[in-house]
Amino acid sequence: MIELKTNKAEQDSQIASDREEIASLKRELKVKNNQLKEMNERCQRAVDESELHRTRIQELQKENTEMKLKIDVQESTIDGHKSEIAHLSLELRETGDLYKIYEKKCESLIG
């Protein structure tokens, strides 16, 4: 009977020790679970922020392409204006030369 009581006391002690270990493991698991949730939330925020940056980069690339196209149009317009200026300058010189010839003819007819 003493042996049974001793055995029971040892088992009760083991049960109490196991319960304490289980409680400790539950607390540790709860802490790790909270850490995991926090890490998942941080990862999700990072993914969301990354998506925002990716979207902004795409918008900026689109704007950049539009600006390049506008620059090309402006450069073409400038080239057209330069060509027109050159043509008008040449036409003006020719008109001036013709006017000088006209004046000389008029002077020779009058004088």
C-alpha atoms as a PDB file:
ATOM      1  CA  MET A   1       0.000   0.000   0.000  1.00  0.00           C
ATOM      2  CA  ILE A   2       2.852   2.364   0.784  1.00  0.00           C
ATOM      3  CA  GLU A   3       4.282   1.496  -2.580  1.00  0.00           C
ATOM      4  CA  LEU A   4       0.970   2.398  -4.239  1.00  0.00           C
ATOM      5  CA  LYS A   5       0.857   5.700  -2.371  1.00  0.00           C
ATOM      6  CA  THR A   6       4.435   6.422  -3.392  1.00  0.00           C
ATOM      7  CA  ASN A   7       3.630   5.442  -6.953  1.00  0.00           C
ATOM      8  CA  LYS A   8       0.513   7.639  -6.881  1.00  0.00           C
ATOM      9  CA  ALA A   9       2.474  10.562  -5.454  1.00  0.00           C
ATOM     10  CA  GLU A  10       5.090  10.164  -8.193  1.00  0.00           C
ATOM     11  CA  GLN A  11       2.390  10.011 -10.864  1.00  0.00           C
ATOM     12  CA  ASP A  12       0.612  13.036  -9.381  1.00  0.00           C
ATOM     13  CA  SER A  13       3.922  14.877  -9.371  1.00  0.00           C
ATOM     14  CA  GLN A  14       4.549  13.815 -12.993  1.00  0.00           C
ATOM     15  CA  ILE A  15       1.018  14.895 -13.962  1.00  0.00           C
ATOM     16  CA  ALA A  16       1.532  18.288 -12.303  1.00  0.00           C
ATOM     17  CA  SER A  17       4.882  18.627 -14.061  1.00  0.00           C
ATOM     18  CA  ASP A  18       3.307  17.637 -17.398  1.00  0.00           C
ATOM     19  CA  ARG A  19       0.455  20.107 -16.857  1.00  0.00           C
ATOM     20  CA  GLU A  20       2.938  22.897 -16.130  1.00  0.00           C
ATOM     21  CA  GLU A  21       4.930  21.963 -19.221  1.00  0.00           C
ATOM     22  CA  ILE A  22       1.723  21.902 -21.313  1.00  0.00           C
ATOM     23  CA  ALA A  23       0.712  25.313 -19.927  1.00  0.00           C
ATOM     24  CA  SER A  24       4.204  26.644 -20.676  1.00  0.00           C
ATOM     25  CA  LEU A  25       4.060  25.229 -24.208  1.00  0.00           C
ATOM     26  CA  LYS A  26       0.595  26.752 -24.705  1.00  0.00           C
ATOM     27  CA  ARG A  27       1.903  30.167 -23.607  1.00  0.00           C
ATOM     28  CA  GLU A  28       4.893  29.799 -25.927  1.00  0.00           C
ATOM     29  CA  LEU A  29       2.610  28.723 -28.759  1.00  0.00           C
ATOM     30  CA  LYS A  30       0.348  31.720 -28.124  1.00  0.00           C
ATOM     31  CA  VAL A  31       3.341  34.091 -28.215  1.00  0.00           C
ATOM     32  CA  LYS A  32       4.623  32.495 -31.426  1.00  0.00           C
ATOM     33  CA  ASN A  33       1.141  32.654 -32.939  1.00  0.00           C
ATOM     34  CA  ASN A  34       0.932  36.378 -32.121  1.00  0.00           C
ATOM     35  CA  GLN A  35       4.394  36.893 -33.615  1.00  0.00           C
ATOM     36  CA  LEU A  36       3.325  35.017 -36.741  1.00  0.00           C
ATOM     37  CA  LYS A  37       0.174  37.126 -37.081  1.00  0.00           C
ATOM     38  CA  GLU A  38       2.218  40.306 -36.669  1.00  0.00           C
ATOM     39  CA  MET A  39       4.754  39.109 -39.232  1.00  0.00           C
ATOM     40  CA  ASN A  40       1.971  38.217 -41.689  1.00  0.00           C
ATOM     41  CA  GLU A  41       0.442  41.671 -41.229  1.00  0.00           C
ATOM     42  CA  ARG A  42       3.832  43.315 -41.828  1.00  0.00           C
ATOM     43  CA  CYS A  43       4.393  41.175 -44.910  1.00  0.00           C
ATOM     44  CA  GLN A  44       0.951  42.079 -46.248  1.00  0.00           C
ATOM     45  CA  ARG A  45       1.636  45.777 -45.673  1.00  0.00           C
ATOM     46  CA  ALA A  46       4.968  45.386 -47.475  1.00  0.00           C
ATOM     47  CA  VAL A  47       3.260  43.611 -50.389  1.00  0.00           C
ATOM     48  CA  ASP A  48       0.583  46.321 -50.542  1.00  0.00           C
ATOM     49  CA  GLU A  49       3.228  49.039 -50.462  1.00  0.00           C
ATOM     50  CA  SER A  50       5.203  47.224 -53.140  1.00  0.00           C
ATOM     51  CA  GLU A  51       2.090  47.072 -55.336  1.00  0.00           C
ATOM     52  CA  LEU A  52       1.567  50.812 -54.847  1.00  0.00           C
ATOM     53  CA  HIS A  53       5.167  51.460 -55.880  1.00  0.00           C
ATOM     54  CA  ARG A  54       4.815  49.159 -58.886  1.00  0.00           C
ATOM     55  CA  THR A  55       1.639  50.979 -59.945  1.00  0.00           C
ATOM     56  CA  ARG A  56       3.342  54.366 -59.497  1.00  0.00           C
ATOM     57  CA  ILE A  57       6.328  53.189 -61.561  1.00  0.00           C
ATOM     58  CA  GLN A  58       3.980  52.088 -64.337  1.00  0.00           C
ATOM     59  CA  GLU A  59       2.214  55.461 -64.217  1.00  0.00           C
ATOM     60  CA  LEU A  60       5.555  57.270 -64.377  1.00  0.00           C
ATOM     61  CA  GLN A  61       6.687  55.102 -67.289  1.00  0.00           C
ATOM     62  CA  LYS A  62       3.454  55.965 -69.110  1.00  0.00           C
ATOM     63  CA  GLU A  63       3.945  59.671 -68.396  1.00  0.00           C
ATOM     64  CA  ASN A  64       7.568  59.388 -69.541  1.00  0.00           C
ATOM     65  CA  THR A  65       6.475  57.789 -72.817  1.00  0.00           C
ATOM     66  CA  GLU A  66       3.845  60.492 -73.333  1.00  0.00           C
ATOM     67  CA  MET A  67       6.434  63.199 -72.672  1.00  0.00           C
ATOM     68  CA  LYS A  68       8.852  61.590 -75.146  1.00  0.00           C
ATOM     69  CA  LEU A  69       6.099  61.585 -77.762  1.00  0.00           C
ATOM     70  CA  LYS A  70       5.311  65.230 -77.028  1.00  0.00           C
ATOM     71  CA  ILE A  71       9.011  66.088 -77.323  1.00  0.00           C
ATOM     72  CA  ASP A  72       9.160  64.288 -80.680  1.00  0.00           C
ATOM     73  CA  VAL A  73       6.127  66.281 -81.887  1.00  0.00           C
ATOM     74  CA  GLN A  74       7.672  69.543 -80.653  1.00  0.00           C
ATOM     75  CA  GLU A  75      10.999  68.735 -82.325  1.00  0.00           C
ATOM     76  CA  SER A  76       9.194  67.945 -85.574  1.00  0.00           C
ATOM     77  CA  THR A  77       7.298  71.230 -85.310  1.00  0.00           C
ATOM     78  CA  ILE A  78      10.542  73.114 -84.657  1.00  0.00           C
ATOM     79  CA  ASP A  79      12.201  71.423 -87.647  1.00  0.00           C
ATOM     80  CA  GLY A  80       9.195  72.394 -89.785  1.00  0.00           C
ATOM     81  CA  HIS A  81       9.421  75.999 -88.617  1.00  0.00           C
ATOM     82  CA  LYS A  82      13.165  76.109 -89.295  1.00  0.00           C
ATOM     83  CA  SER A  83      12.563  74.785 -92.782  1.00  0.00           C
ATOM     84  CA  GLU A  84       9.821  77.345 -93.356  1.00  0.00           C
ATOM     85  CA  ILE A  85      12.090  80.146 -92.086  1.00  0.00           C
ATOM     86  CA  ALA A  86      14.867  79.018 -94.437  1.00  0.00           C
ATOM     87  CA  HIS A  87      12.424  78.906 -97.330  1.00  0.00           C
ATOM     88  CA  LEU A  88      10.964  82.337 -96.515  1.00  0.00           C
ATOM     89  CA  SER A  89      14.456  83.806 -96.070  1.00  0.00           C
ATOM     90  CA  LEU A  90      15.478  82.497 -99.479  1.00  0.00           C
ATOM     91  CA  GLU A  91      12.246  83.804-100.998  1.00  0.00           C
ATOM     92  CA  LEU A  92      12.828  87.191 -99.352  1.00  0.00           C
ATOM     93  CA  ARG A  93      16.388  87.376-100.703  1.00  0.00           C
ATOM     94  CA  GLU A  94      15.169  86.472-104.175  1.00  0.00           C
ATOM     95  CA  THR A  95      12.423  89.104-103.936  1.00  0.00           C
ATOM     96  CA  GLY A  96      15.000  91.664-102.779  1.00  0.00           C
ATOM     97  CA  ASP A  97      17.287  90.761-105.682  1.00  0.00           C
ATOM     98  CA  LEU A  98      14.387  91.061-108.113  1.00  0.00           C
ATOM     99  CA  TYR A  99      13.446  94.412-106.595  1.00  0.00           C
ATOM    100  CA  LYS A 100      17.011  95.689-107.075  1.00  0.00           C
ATOM    101  CA  ILE A 101      16.934  94.549-110.705  1.00  0.00           C
ATOM    102  CA  TYR A 102      13.565  96.265-111.109  1.00  0.00           C
ATOM    103  CA  GLU A 103      14.923  99.507-109.583  1.00  0.00           C
ATOM    104  CA  LYS A 104      17.953  99.462-111.920  1.00  0.00           C
ATOM    105  CA  LYS A 105      15.691  98.951-114.941  1.00  0.00           C
ATOM    106  CA  CYS A 106      13.402 101.744-113.805  1.00  0.00           C
ATOM    107  CA  GLU A 107      16.400 104.073-113.297  1.00  0.00           C
ATOM    108  CA  SER A 108      17.795 103.189-116.727  1.00  0.00           C
ATOM    109  CA  LEU A 109      14.407 103.864-118.318  1.00  0.00           C
ATOM    110  CA  ILE A 110      13.957 107.173-116.471  1.00  0.00           C
ATOM    111  CA  GLY A 111      17.485 108.352-116.625  1.00  0.00           C
END
